[in-house]
Protein backbone atom coordinates (compact mmCIF):
# COMPACT_ATOMS: atom_id res chain seq x y z
CA MET A 1 28.61 0.80 23.74
CA ASN A 2 27.47 -1.31 20.81
CA ASP A 3 23.72 -1.96 20.45
CA ARG A 4 24.39 -4.70 17.93
CA ALA A 5 24.38 -8.31 19.16
CA ALA A 6 27.09 -10.66 17.91
CA PHE A 7 24.84 -12.80 15.69
CA GLN A 8 22.91 -12.72 12.42
CA VAL A 9 19.54 -14.20 11.48
CA LEU A 10 18.27 -15.64 8.22
CA VAL A 11 14.49 -15.85 7.67
CA LEU A 12 13.01 -17.81 4.77
CA PRO A 13 9.37 -17.00 3.98
CA TYR A 14 7.49 -19.94 2.46
CA ARG A 15 4.03 -20.84 1.21
CA GLN A 16 2.30 -23.98 0.02
CA THR A 17 0.79 -23.93 -3.48
CA GLY A 18 -0.71 -26.47 -5.84
CA GLN A 19 2.78 -26.90 -7.30
CA GLY A 20 4.42 -27.48 -3.91
CA THR A 21 6.35 -25.28 -1.53
CA GLU A 22 7.60 -21.91 -2.74
CA PHE A 23 10.20 -19.75 -1.02
CA ALA A 24 10.42 -15.95 -1.13
CA LEU A 25 13.82 -14.50 -1.92
CA PHE A 26 14.84 -10.87 -1.92
CA ARG A 27 17.25 -9.02 -4.24
CA ARG A 28 19.50 -6.77 -2.18
CA ALA A 29 19.58 -3.15 -3.27
CA ASP A 30 23.22 -2.63 -2.25
CA ALA A 31 24.76 -5.80 -3.68
CA ASP A 32 22.44 -7.16 -6.41
CA TYR A 33 22.10 -10.74 -5.20
CA TRP A 34 19.25 -12.91 -3.92
CA GLN A 35 18.87 -14.10 -0.34
CA GLY A 36 16.34 -14.67 2.40
CA VAL A 37 15.57 -11.92 4.90
CA ALA A 38 18.82 -11.35 6.78
CA GLY A 39 20.01 -9.04 9.49
CA GLY A 40 21.74 -8.60 12.78
CA GLY A 41 20.46 -9.03 16.27
CA GLU A 42 20.17 -6.11 18.63
CA ALA A 43 21.41 -6.04 22.22
CA GLY A 44 19.09 -8.05 24.47
CA GLU A 45 17.30 -9.84 21.61
CA SER A 46 17.12 -13.58 21.20
CA PRO A 47 17.64 -14.95 17.68
CA LEU A 48 13.87 -15.52 17.35
CA GLN A 49 13.10 -11.95 18.44
CA ALA A 50 15.62 -10.67 15.89
CA ALA A 51 14.09 -12.90 13.19
CA ARG A 52 10.61 -11.51 13.93
CA ARG A 53 11.88 -7.92 13.83
CA GLU A 54 13.86 -8.42 10.61
CA ALA A 55 10.91 -10.15 8.88
CA ALA A 56 8.71 -7.18 9.83
CA GLU A 57 11.28 -4.53 8.83
CA GLU A 58 12.45 -6.04 5.55
CA ALA A 59 9.33 -7.81 4.28
CA GLY A 60 6.40 -6.36 6.24
CA LEU A 61 5.67 -9.80 7.74
CA VAL A 62 3.91 -9.04 11.01
CA GLY A 63 1.14 -10.51 13.11
CA ASP A 64 0.50 -14.19 13.59
CA CYS A 65 3.03 -15.49 11.08
CA GLU A 66 4.20 -18.96 12.11
CA PHE A 67 7.97 -19.31 12.59
CA VAL A 68 9.87 -22.57 12.14
CA ALA A 69 13.17 -23.05 13.97
CA LEU A 70 15.89 -24.61 11.82
CA ASP A 71 19.02 -26.43 12.89
CA ALA A 72 20.99 -24.87 10.01
CA ARG A 73 23.77 -22.65 11.34
CA ALA A 74 26.57 -20.79 9.67
CA THR A 75 29.37 -18.57 10.82
CA ILE A 76 30.14 -15.35 9.04
CA PRO A 77 33.33 -13.26 9.20
CA VAL A 78 32.48 -10.26 11.35
CA VAL A 79 34.13 -7.88 8.87
CA SER A 80 31.78 -9.15 6.14
CA VAL A 81 28.82 -8.18 8.32
CA THR A 82 29.81 -4.88 9.93
CA GLY A 83 32.95 -3.92 8.01
CA GLU A 84 35.10 -3.92 11.14
CA PHE A 85 35.93 -5.88 14.27
CA THR A 86 32.79 -4.61 16.01
CA TRP A 87 33.16 -6.74 19.15
CA GLY A 88 36.93 -6.52 19.50
CA PRO A 89 39.91 -8.29 17.91
CA ASP A 90 39.01 -11.70 19.33
CA VAL A 91 35.53 -11.95 17.73
CA LEU A 92 36.36 -13.04 14.20
CA VAL A 93 33.14 -14.80 13.18
CA ILE A 94 29.53 -14.60 14.36
CA PRO A 95 26.77 -17.22 14.12
CA GLU A 96 23.81 -17.01 11.77
CA TYR A 97 20.56 -18.60 13.02
CA ALA A 98 17.98 -19.71 10.45
CA PHE A 99 14.18 -19.72 10.56
CA GLY A 100 11.32 -20.32 8.19
CA ILE A 101 8.17 -18.21 8.29
CA ARG A 102 4.85 -19.35 6.86
CA VAL A 103 3.17 -16.59 4.83
CA GLU A 104 0.19 -18.25 3.14
CA ASP A 105 -2.10 -15.20 2.98
CA THR A 106 0.29 -12.49 4.09
CA GLU A 107 1.37 -9.82 1.64
CA VAL A 108 5.09 -9.10 1.35
CA ASN A 109 6.05 -5.42 1.49
CA LEU A 110 9.64 -4.60 0.57
CA SER A 111 11.89 -2.30 2.54
CA HIS A 112 14.47 -0.01 0.96
CA GLU A 113 17.04 -2.80 1.45
CA HIS A 114 15.63 -4.75 -1.52
CA THR A 115 14.70 -3.93 -5.10
CA GLU A 116 12.37 -6.88 -5.65
CA TYR A 117 11.28 -10.24 -4.35
CA GLY A 118 10.07 -13.40 -5.99
CA TRP A 119 8.65 -16.82 -5.18
CA PHE A 120 10.92 -19.73 -6.12
CA SER A 121 10.75 -23.52 -6.14
CA LEU A 122 13.42 -25.19 -4.02
CA ASP A 123 15.63 -25.93 -7.05
CA ASN A 124 15.35 -22.41 -8.44
CA ALA A 125 15.87 -20.86 -5.01
CA ALA A 126 19.01 -22.95 -4.45
CA LYS A 127 20.37 -21.74 -7.79
CA ALA A 128 19.45 -18.11 -7.19
CA VAL A 129 20.89 -17.48 -3.72
CA GLN A 130 24.38 -16.12 -3.21
CA TRP A 131 25.27 -17.86 0.06
CA ASP A 132 25.69 -21.54 0.91
CA SER A 133 24.03 -20.89 4.29
CA ASN A 134 20.84 -19.94 2.43
CA ARG A 135 21.00 -23.15 0.35
CA THR A 136 21.44 -25.29 3.45
CA ALA A 137 18.58 -23.61 5.30
CA LEU A 138 16.30 -23.87 2.23
CA TRP A 139 17.04 -27.59 1.96
CA GLU A 140 16.41 -28.18 5.66
CA LEU A 141 13.16 -26.19 5.69
CA ASN A 142 11.87 -28.00 2.61
CA HIS A 143 12.79 -31.40 4.06
CA ARG A 144 11.11 -30.61 7.39
CA LEU A 145 7.95 -29.46 5.60
CA GLN A 146 7.82 -32.54 3.36
CA HIS A 147 8.34 -34.98 6.22
CA GLY A 148 6.32 -33.36 9.01
CA LEU A 149 9.42 -32.50 11.03
CA VAL A 150 8.59 -28.84 11.59
CA HIS A 151 9.53 -27.27 14.93
CA ARG A 152 7.18 -24.30 15.25
CA VAL A 153 8.19 -21.66 17.74
CA ALA A 154 6.06 -19.10 19.57
């Protein structure tokens, strides 16, 4: 039985500075590209629960960090995520759910999955990330923050 749920999460840490909003991106150790915190759900988890767990595991973001639900969604070929048809031959793509996480005074602690992290402006983050889904979620999160359209989740 597979303990992996058929979805991915993307978590974009952000903070407000005197220069505007900055977004934390992480350089993957196994593929040498930048992205937000990303990972798979586990059996029985909701996307938000998976996002909280992944943020804690990959970036040390625990406690009362405020999560923002995003409408941005992507689908990812299952073989690009797990390397095989994990959920059978009929499950070809899985959804990716996106969230922001406010980390004003929280220190980021890297896991072994990343070699470094950095804080980026929206423009620089959009140029740095590998995946279009990250660019879309960055844009949406920035727009929501600028226009007071944030949907905080508990």
